[in-house]
Amino acid sequence: MADLGAPGAPAGQTEGPAGQTEGTDASENPIPANPIPATAVPIRPDLVSLDGYHSAQVDVEVRLNTNESPLPPPDAWLEALRNELGRIDFNRYPDRQATELRAAVARSHGVRPEQVFCANGSNEVLQCLLLAYGGPGRTVALFEPTYTLHRHIAMITGTQVAAGSRTDDFELDPDEVARVLTEAQPIITFLCSPNNPTGRADPPKTVAQVVASTTGLVVVDEAYGQFAPSSALDLVRAGGPGSDRVAVVRTFSKTWSMAAGRLGYLVASPAVVAACELVTLPYHLDSVKQVAGRLALQFDDAMRARVAVLREERGRIAAAFAEMPLQTWPSDANFILFRPTARPARQVWQFLLDASVLVRDCSEWPGLTGCLRVTVGLPEENDRFLAALHAALEGPPEGPLEESRT
């Protein structure tokens, strides 16, 4: 049977970016989450077991744990933004429809403006989709390990979650997909392509098969889409049966080097866009963000050049991994998942942190036992990481190795 609405992280743990948990550590979480006092006004019962979303923010010299771009935006973009800021009427509310930004996004993808919805990061897009289509009595499907916010936001909106599993290579299993979709009849099926934290993109044929197997919405989260060899945007642009039920979600946080700006968007049918607009707050997208995104799209060549650099560095890291005692998986994103086989992952993670290199500890997340994830950084950052990793893997382990993936 499908897993309907599994509980959140146990007390004393935080949720990571793959829908799983990692143990708290003072070095990872210097400011602990505020507990809810026993005498407080009670929250909804279904939220009691949930923790908020957390990701380590530690002062280190090499930060490779959150899949941000290691490169700042182009200087010309920053100068253009400064010039535009002087033209904003800060005493007035922003353009509620984000007209110019939506038009720019539409041009960049070869679609119509009415097929674009913009929000405060791709997570707000996901929230709007779940507010519009989810809720009590409705179910979404996902396949874990995958991005935690799909499950987390679903549960916040009171939507049941039917969770299927991936193969040992972290790919979608057609039989498992068919089973979950048949049993759960989900209103939304979430695909993450490339999948975070495992790195593989879903081939167009696989996405098309999922669309054909459900009558609900298929949301393809392409936060790392520019690094991948294909995109579900082709299904939206081509039209045809089921294309009106495909929604592609993207972000400016990764390849556009705008993580601080929190800007994301959706490309889908006008009906899906209208549904998102129905549940969003008035004037939700501020004027600065609209200008920043519109101007960023004028620097497409710079973005593509940065993607090329990171792809090359990704290949260099993967080649170095092949010479180390590691289990690794191919990646179509700006990060690589790996499992140390000579020392426990937590020891390796701590050794790296002591060397002022921070990677993501996935070693206690369900389905990812003993795994770590590294973001592709600048060449000099990757050199620091690889040197520290090589040193961490030398010598006998200080304790038992983690068991293989369960």
Protein backbone atom coordinates (compact mmCIF):
# COMPACT_ATOMS: atom_id res chain seq x y z
CA MET A 1 0.00 0.00 0.00
CA ALA A 2 1.08 3.59 -0.60
CA ASP A 3 2.47 5.45 2.39
CA LEU A 4 -0.28 7.94 3.24
CA GLY A 5 0.96 10.90 5.23
CA ALA A 6 4.05 9.74 7.09
CA PRO A 7 4.89 11.75 10.21
CA GLY A 8 7.46 14.52 10.23
CA ALA A 9 10.95 14.45 11.68
CA PRO A 10 11.35 13.12 15.23
CA ALA A 11 12.12 15.54 18.01
CA GLY A 12 15.72 16.70 17.96
CA GLN A 13 16.09 16.30 14.20
CA THR A 14 15.80 18.65 11.26
CA GLU A 15 14.53 18.01 7.79
CA GLY A 16 16.96 18.14 4.89
CA PRO A 17 16.36 18.98 1.22
CA ALA A 18 15.43 15.46 0.24
CA GLY A 19 12.41 14.76 2.40
CA GLN A 20 14.48 13.10 5.05
CA THR A 21 16.07 14.01 8.37
CA GLU A 22 19.53 14.64 9.66
CA GLY A 23 20.58 14.77 13.29
CA THR A 24 20.99 18.21 14.76
CA ASP A 25 24.49 19.35 15.62
CA ALA A 26 25.58 22.51 17.42
CA SER A 27 27.97 23.33 14.60
CA GLU A 28 25.20 22.99 12.02
CA ASN A 29 22.43 24.76 13.92
CA PRO A 30 23.91 27.47 16.15
CA ILE A 31 20.45 28.94 16.78
CA PRO A 32 18.05 26.15 17.85
CA ALA A 33 14.42 26.21 16.77
CA ASN A 34 12.05 27.77 19.27
CA PRO A 35 9.97 25.08 21.01
CA ILE A 36 6.24 25.64 21.38
CA PRO A 37 5.47 26.08 25.11
CA ALA A 38 3.05 23.60 26.60
CA THR A 39 0.84 26.50 27.70
CA ALA A 40 0.65 28.04 24.23
CA VAL A 41 -2.57 28.17 22.21
CA PRO A 42 -2.60 24.74 20.51
CA ILE A 43 -1.71 24.51 16.85
CA ARG A 44 -3.47 22.20 14.43
CA PRO A 45 -3.08 18.59 15.64
CA ASP A 46 -1.71 17.44 12.28
CA LEU A 47 1.19 19.90 12.58
CA VAL A 48 2.39 18.81 16.02
CA SER A 49 4.81 16.19 14.68
CA LEU A 50 6.30 18.49 12.03
CA ASP A 51 9.55 20.42 12.22
CA GLY A 52 10.23 23.50 10.13
CA TYR A 53 12.58 23.32 7.16
CA HIS A 54 16.22 23.69 8.17
CA SER A 55 19.54 23.72 6.35
CA ALA A 56 22.90 24.32 7.99
CA GLN A 57 24.30 27.86 7.76
CA VAL A 58 27.79 27.65 9.21
CA ASP A 59 30.67 30.11 8.93
CA VAL A 60 33.16 28.13 6.85
CA GLU A 61 35.65 28.98 4.13
CA VAL A 62 34.14 26.55 1.58
CA ARG A 63 30.36 26.16 1.68
CA LEU A 64 29.17 23.36 -0.60
CA ASN A 65 25.97 22.21 1.11
CA THR A 66 23.00 24.17 -0.27
CA ASN A 67 23.36 23.95 -4.08
CA GLU A 68 23.65 27.69 -4.56
CA SER A 69 25.63 29.17 -7.43
CA PRO A 70 29.23 29.82 -6.38
CA LEU A 71 29.32 32.74 -8.78
CA PRO A 72 27.73 36.16 -8.16
CA PRO A 73 25.47 37.69 -10.81
CA PRO A 74 27.19 39.58 -13.66
CA ASP A 75 28.45 43.05 -12.78
CA ALA A 76 26.41 44.46 -15.66
CA TRP A 77 23.23 43.02 -14.14
CA LEU A 78 23.98 44.64 -10.79
CA GLU A 79 24.62 47.99 -12.46
CA ALA A 80 21.39 47.73 -14.45
CA LEU A 81 19.50 46.89 -11.27
CA ARG A 82 20.94 49.92 -9.48
CA ASN A 83 19.78 52.12 -12.33
CA GLU A 84 16.27 50.66 -12.32
CA LEU A 85 15.86 51.01 -8.55
CA GLY A 86 15.80 54.77 -8.91
CA ARG A 87 12.71 54.48 -11.13
CA ILE A 88 10.62 52.45 -8.67
CA ASP A 89 7.78 54.26 -6.91
CA PHE A 90 8.38 52.77 -3.48
CA ASN A 91 5.29 54.48 -2.10
CA ARG A 92 3.11 52.46 -4.49
CA TYR A 93 2.20 48.79 -4.49
CA PRO A 94 3.94 46.64 -7.12
CA ASP A 95 2.37 45.48 -10.37
CA ARG A 96 0.03 42.79 -9.10
CA GLN A 97 0.27 40.79 -12.32
CA ALA A 98 4.07 41.12 -12.65
CA THR A 99 3.35 41.90 -16.29
CA GLU A 100 6.83 42.69 -17.56
CA LEU A 101 8.50 39.85 -15.66
CA ARG A 102 5.98 37.29 -16.88
CA ALA A 103 6.42 38.50 -20.44
CA ALA A 104 10.20 38.18 -20.15
CA VAL A 105 9.97 34.65 -18.71
CA ALA A 106 7.50 33.70 -21.44
CA ARG A 107 9.84 34.95 -24.18
CA SER A 108 12.74 33.01 -22.70
CA HIS A 109 10.78 29.74 -22.89
CA GLY A 110 8.74 30.29 -26.04
CA VAL A 111 5.35 30.34 -24.31
CA ARG A 112 2.64 32.94 -23.70
CA PRO A 113 2.64 35.28 -20.66
CA GLU A 114 -0.64 33.79 -19.48
CA GLN A 115 1.22 30.48 -19.07
CA VAL A 116 3.61 31.97 -16.48
CA PHE A 117 3.11 32.47 -12.74
CA CYS A 118 5.85 34.12 -10.65
CA ALA A 119 6.31 33.91 -6.89
CA ASN A 120 8.76 34.32 -4.00
CA GLY A 121 10.96 31.37 -4.86
CA SER A 122 9.89 28.06 -6.35
CA ASN A 123 8.72 26.93 -2.91
CA GLU A 124 5.95 29.54 -2.93
CA VAL A 125 4.95 28.24 -6.35
CA LEU A 126 4.68 24.74 -4.84
CA GLN A 127 2.67 26.16 -1.94
CA CYS A 128 0.23 27.87 -4.29
CA LEU A 129 -0.24 24.66 -6.27
CA LEU A 130 -1.02 22.75 -3.10
CA LEU A 131 -3.34 25.45 -1.78
CA ALA A 132 -5.22 25.40 -5.07
CA TYR A 133 -5.33 21.67 -5.77
CA GLY A 134 -4.57 19.95 -2.46
CA GLY A 135 -6.21 20.04 0.94
CA PRO A 136 -8.21 17.62 3.13
CA GLY A 137 -9.55 14.63 1.25
CA ARG A 138 -7.00 14.97 -1.56
CA THR A 139 -3.73 13.13 -2.16
CA VAL A 140 -0.43 13.91 -3.84
CA ALA A 141 2.09 11.32 -5.03
CA LEU A 142 5.86 11.50 -4.85
CA PHE A 143 8.80 9.12 -5.06
CA GLU A 144 11.43 9.21 -2.34
CA PRO A 145 14.14 10.06 -1.68
CA THR A 146 13.29 13.41 -3.24
CA TYR A 147 12.90 17.08 -2.38
CA THR A 148 11.49 17.42 1.13
CA LEU A 149 9.29 20.45 0.48
CA HIS A 150 6.96 18.43 -1.75
CA ARG A 151 5.94 16.33 1.24
CA HIS A 152 6.34 19.10 3.81
CA ILE A 153 4.12 21.68 2.09
CA ALA A 154 1.57 19.00 1.25
CA MET A 155 1.25 18.12 4.92
CA ILE A 156 1.08 21.80 5.93
CA THR A 157 -1.89 22.22 3.56
CA GLY A 158 -3.62 19.15 5.00
CA THR A 159 -3.02 17.08 1.87
CA GLN A 160 -2.37 13.34 2.15
CA VAL A 161 0.92 12.03 0.74
CA ALA A 162 1.24 8.76 -1.14
CA ALA A 163 4.95 7.96 -1.24
CA GLY A 164 6.52 5.46 -3.59
CA SER A 165 10.15 4.39 -3.59
CA ARG A 166 12.87 4.68 -6.21
CA THR A 167 15.17 1.97 -7.55
CA ASP A 168 18.57 1.21 -6.01
CA ASP A 169 19.97 3.66 -8.58
CA PHE A 170 17.46 6.30 -7.43
CA GLU A 171 15.55 6.26 -10.70
CA LEU A 172 11.79 6.00 -11.16
CA ASP A 173 10.50 2.42 -11.32
CA PRO A 174 7.62 2.26 -13.87
CA ASP A 175 5.90 -0.53 -11.95
CA GLU A 176 6.14 1.38 -8.67
CA VAL A 177 4.85 4.54 -10.33
CA ALA A 178 1.91 2.65 -11.77
CA ARG A 179 1.14 1.07 -8.40
CA VAL A 180 1.16 4.35 -6.49
CA LEU A 181 -0.89 6.22 -9.09
CA THR A 182 -3.45 3.42 -9.31
CA GLU A 183 -3.86 3.09 -5.54
CA ALA A 184 -3.77 6.77 -4.59
CA GLN A 185 -5.40 8.47 -7.61
CA PRO A 186 -3.44 11.64 -6.75
CA ILE A 187 -4.58 15.14 -7.64
CA ILE A 188 -0.87 16.04 -8.07
CA THR A 189 2.11 13.85 -8.90
CA PHE A 190 5.45 15.44 -8.07
CA LEU A 191 8.54 14.71 -10.11
CA CYS A 192 11.88 16.32 -9.30
CA SER A 193 14.11 16.48 -12.36
CA PRO A 194 17.01 16.51 -11.74
CA ASN A 195 16.10 14.87 -8.48
CA ASN A 196 17.43 16.41 -5.28
CA PRO A 197 19.52 15.02 -3.61
CA THR A 198 20.28 12.11 -5.94
CA GLY A 199 20.97 14.10 -9.10
CA ARG A 200 19.36 12.21 -11.99
CA ALA A 201 16.97 13.85 -14.44
CA ASP A 202 13.87 12.02 -15.67
CA PRO A 203 14.00 11.33 -19.44
CA PRO A 204 11.18 12.95 -21.48
CA LYS A 205 9.70 9.51 -22.21
CA THR A 206 9.41 8.80 -18.47
CA VAL A 207 7.68 12.11 -17.77
CA ALA A 208 5.28 11.50 -20.67
CA GLN A 209 4.45 8.05 -19.30
CA VAL A 210 3.63 9.51 -15.89
CA VAL A 211 1.38 12.11 -17.51
CA ALA A 212 -0.43 9.38 -19.44
CA SER A 213 -0.87 7.31 -16.26
CA THR A 214 -2.79 9.89 -14.23
CA THR A 215 -5.70 12.25 -14.66
CA GLY A 216 -4.22 14.68 -12.16
CA LEU A 217 -1.63 17.42 -12.43
CA VAL A 218 2.00 16.42 -12.97
CA VAL A 219 4.33 18.98 -11.39
CA VAL A 220 7.92 18.71 -12.62
CA ASP A 221 10.26 20.56 -10.26
CA GLU A 222 13.18 21.72 -12.40
CA ALA A 223 15.10 23.82 -9.90
CA TYR A 224 18.26 22.43 -11.52
CA GLY A 225 16.78 22.14 -15.00
CA GLN A 226 19.42 24.21 -16.79
CA PHE A 227 22.04 21.60 -15.90
CA ALA A 228 20.01 18.71 -17.34
CA PRO A 229 19.98 17.35 -20.92
CA SER A 230 16.19 17.71 -21.32
CA SER A 231 13.21 19.57 -19.90
CA ALA A 232 9.51 18.94 -19.43
CA LEU A 233 9.01 22.41 -20.88
CA ASP A 234 9.06 20.66 -24.26
CA LEU A 235 5.84 18.84 -23.30
CA VAL A 236 4.16 22.13 -22.37
CA ARG A 237 5.26 23.84 -25.57
CA ALA A 238 4.33 20.93 -27.83
CA GLY A 239 0.74 20.71 -26.64
CA GLY A 240 -1.08 17.48 -27.23
CA PRO A 241 -2.94 15.12 -24.90
CA GLY A 242 -2.19 15.78 -21.24
CA SER A 243 0.03 18.80 -21.81
CA ASP A 244 -2.51 21.01 -20.05
CA ARG A 245 -1.86 18.95 -16.90
CA VAL A 246 1.92 19.47 -16.90
CA ALA A 247 3.34 22.24 -14.72
CA VAL A 248 7.07 23.00 -14.75
CA VAL A 249 8.53 24.83 -11.75
CA ARG A 250 11.84 26.69 -11.92
CA THR A 251 13.89 29.10 -9.83
CA PHE A 252 16.31 32.00 -10.22
CA SER A 253 18.26 30.80 -7.16
CA LYS A 254 20.65 28.39 -8.89
CA THR A 255 21.85 29.18 -12.40
CA TRP A 256 20.78 32.82 -12.25
CA SER A 257 22.83 33.40 -9.05
CA MET A 258 19.87 35.04 -7.30
CA ALA A 259 19.34 32.86 -4.21
CA ALA A 260 19.18 36.01 -2.06
CA GLY A 261 16.36 37.36 -4.21
CA ARG A 262 13.94 34.43 -3.70
CA LEU A 263 12.29 34.36 -7.12
CA GLY A 264 10.70 31.37 -8.83
CA TYR A 265 8.09 30.68 -11.47
CA LEU A 266 5.79 28.14 -13.06
CA VAL A 267 5.12 27.41 -16.73
CA ALA A 268 1.80 25.65 -17.30
CA SER A 269 -1.62 26.03 -18.87
CA PRO A 270 -3.48 29.30 -18.26
CA ALA A 271 -5.96 27.37 -16.09
CA VAL A 272 -3.20 26.26 -13.71
CA VAL A 273 -1.80 29.81 -13.59
CA ALA A 274 -5.26 31.14 -12.77
CA ALA A 275 -5.60 28.60 -9.96
CA CYS A 276 -2.31 29.78 -8.44
CA GLU A 277 -3.40 33.41 -8.72
CA LEU A 278 -6.61 32.53 -6.90
CA VAL A 279 -4.75 31.54 -3.72
CA THR A 280 -1.80 33.92 -3.70
CA LEU A 281 -1.75 36.98 -1.46
CA PRO A 282 -2.34 40.45 -2.96
CA TYR A 283 0.77 42.17 -4.30
CA HIS A 284 2.87 39.19 -3.25
CA LEU A 285 5.80 39.92 -5.57
CA ASP A 286 7.63 43.15 -4.73
CA SER A 287 8.81 45.60 -7.38
CA VAL A 288 12.53 45.05 -6.75
CA LYS A 289 12.17 41.33 -7.32
CA GLN A 290 10.20 41.87 -10.53
CA VAL A 291 12.87 44.20 -11.91
CA ALA A 292 15.73 41.93 -10.82
CA GLY A 293 14.23 38.90 -12.56
CA ARG A 294 13.39 40.77 -15.74
CA LEU A 295 16.92 42.15 -16.00
CA ALA A 296 18.51 38.77 -15.25
CA LEU A 297 16.89 37.28 -18.32
CA GLN A 298 18.82 39.78 -20.44
CA PHE A 299 22.03 37.97 -19.47
CA ASP A 300 21.17 34.55 -20.87
CA ASP A 301 24.60 34.09 -22.47
CA ALA A 302 26.34 34.72 -19.14
CA MET A 303 24.06 32.19 -17.44
CA ARG A 304 24.78 29.54 -20.04
CA ALA A 305 28.52 30.13 -19.72
CA ARG A 306 28.30 29.65 -15.95
CA VAL A 307 26.35 26.43 -16.39
CA ALA A 308 29.05 25.17 -18.75
CA VAL A 309 31.77 25.92 -16.19
CA LEU A 310 29.90 24.10 -13.43
CA ARG A 311 29.18 21.11 -15.66
CA GLU A 312 32.89 20.85 -16.41
CA GLU A 313 33.73 21.06 -12.71
CA ARG A 314 31.06 18.45 -11.97
CA GLY A 315 32.83 16.11 -14.37
CA ARG A 316 36.17 16.81 -12.72
CA ILE A 317 34.80 15.99 -9.28
CA ALA A 318 33.17 12.80 -10.59
CA ALA A 319 36.47 11.71 -12.15
CA ALA A 320 38.27 12.31 -8.85
CA PHE A 321 35.59 10.34 -7.00
CA ALA A 322 36.28 7.34 -9.25
CA GLU A 323 39.78 7.12 -7.75
CA MET A 324 38.54 7.18 -4.13
CA PRO A 325 36.83 4.58 -1.91
CA LEU A 326 33.35 5.96 -2.66
CA GLN A 327 30.06 4.82 -4.12
CA THR A 328 28.68 7.49 -6.42
CA TRP A 329 25.76 8.10 -8.75
CA PRO A 330 25.62 10.08 -12.02
CA SER A 331 24.36 13.64 -11.69
CA ASP A 332 22.53 15.96 -14.08
CA ALA A 333 22.54 18.80 -11.53
CA ASN A 334 25.07 21.06 -9.79
CA PHE A 335 25.71 18.56 -7.01
CA ILE A 336 26.84 14.95 -6.58
CA LEU A 337 25.67 12.34 -4.08
CA PHE A 338 28.32 10.00 -2.75
CA ARG A 339 28.79 7.35 -0.05
CA PRO A 340 32.16 6.79 1.63
CA THR A 341 32.95 3.08 1.78
CA ALA A 342 36.10 3.19 3.91
CA ARG A 343 34.94 5.41 6.78
CA PRO A 344 31.56 6.30 8.29
CA ALA A 345 29.96 9.24 6.50
CA ARG A 346 29.49 11.23 9.69
CA GLN A 347 33.21 11.01 10.43
CA VAL A 348 34.00 12.18 6.91
CA TRP A 349 31.51 15.04 7.22
CA GLN A 350 33.08 16.16 10.52
CA PHE A 351 36.60 15.90 9.10
CA LEU A 352 35.57 18.12 6.20
CA LEU A 353 33.93 20.60 8.56
CA ASP A 354 37.10 20.72 10.67
CA ALA A 355 38.90 21.60 7.44
CA SER A 356 36.38 24.45 6.95
CA VAL A 357 34.57 22.63 4.13
CA LEU A 358 30.83 22.14 4.57
CA VAL A 359 28.88 19.52 2.59
CA ARG A 360 25.40 18.12 3.16
CA ASP A 361 25.11 15.23 5.59
CA CYS A 362 22.45 12.85 4.27
CA SER A 363 23.78 9.83 6.11
CA GLU A 364 20.75 9.36 8.38
CA TRP A 365 18.06 10.18 5.83
CA PRO A 366 15.77 7.27 4.92
CA GLY A 367 16.97 5.58 1.75
CA LEU A 368 20.30 7.43 1.82
CA THR A 369 22.15 5.67 4.63
CA GLY A 370 25.81 6.70 4.71
CA CYS A 371 25.51 9.31 1.97
CA LEU A 372 26.84 12.84 1.65
CA ARG A 373 26.08 15.45 -1.02
CA VAL A 374 28.45 18.08 -2.35
CA THR A 375 27.55 21.17 -4.34
CA VAL A 376 29.80 21.94 -7.30
CA GLY A 377 31.73 25.07 -6.42
CA LEU A 378 34.45 27.21 -7.95
CA PRO A 379 37.57 25.33 -9.12
CA GLU A 380 39.55 26.45 -6.08
CA GLU A 381 36.70 25.43 -3.76
CA ASN A 382 36.47 22.03 -5.41
CA ASP A 383 40.23 21.63 -5.02
CA ARG A 384 39.92 22.33 -1.28
CA PHE A 385 37.05 19.85 -1.00
CA LEU A 386 38.80 17.07 -2.92
CA ALA A 387 42.01 17.48 -0.93
CA ALA A 388 40.14 17.42 2.37
CA LEU A 389 38.04 14.44 1.27
CA HIS A 390 41.13 12.50 0.24
CA ALA A 391 42.66 13.16 3.65
CA ALA A 392 39.41 12.22 5.41
CA LEU A 393 39.29 8.85 3.67
CA GLU A 394 42.84 7.86 4.62
CA GLY A 395 43.48 5.62 7.62
CA PRO A 396 41.24 3.09 9.35
CA PRO A 397 37.68 4.06 10.38
CA GLU A 398 37.07 5.04 13.98
CA GLY A 399 33.82 3.10 14.17
CA PRO A 400 31.55 0.73 12.22
CA LEU A 401 30.61 1.65 8.67
CA GLU A 402 26.98 2.44 7.90
CA GLU A 403 24.92 -0.34 6.43
CA SER A 404 24.05 -0.16 2.76
CA ARG A 405 20.99 1.67 1.52
CA THR A 406 17.71 0.53 3.03
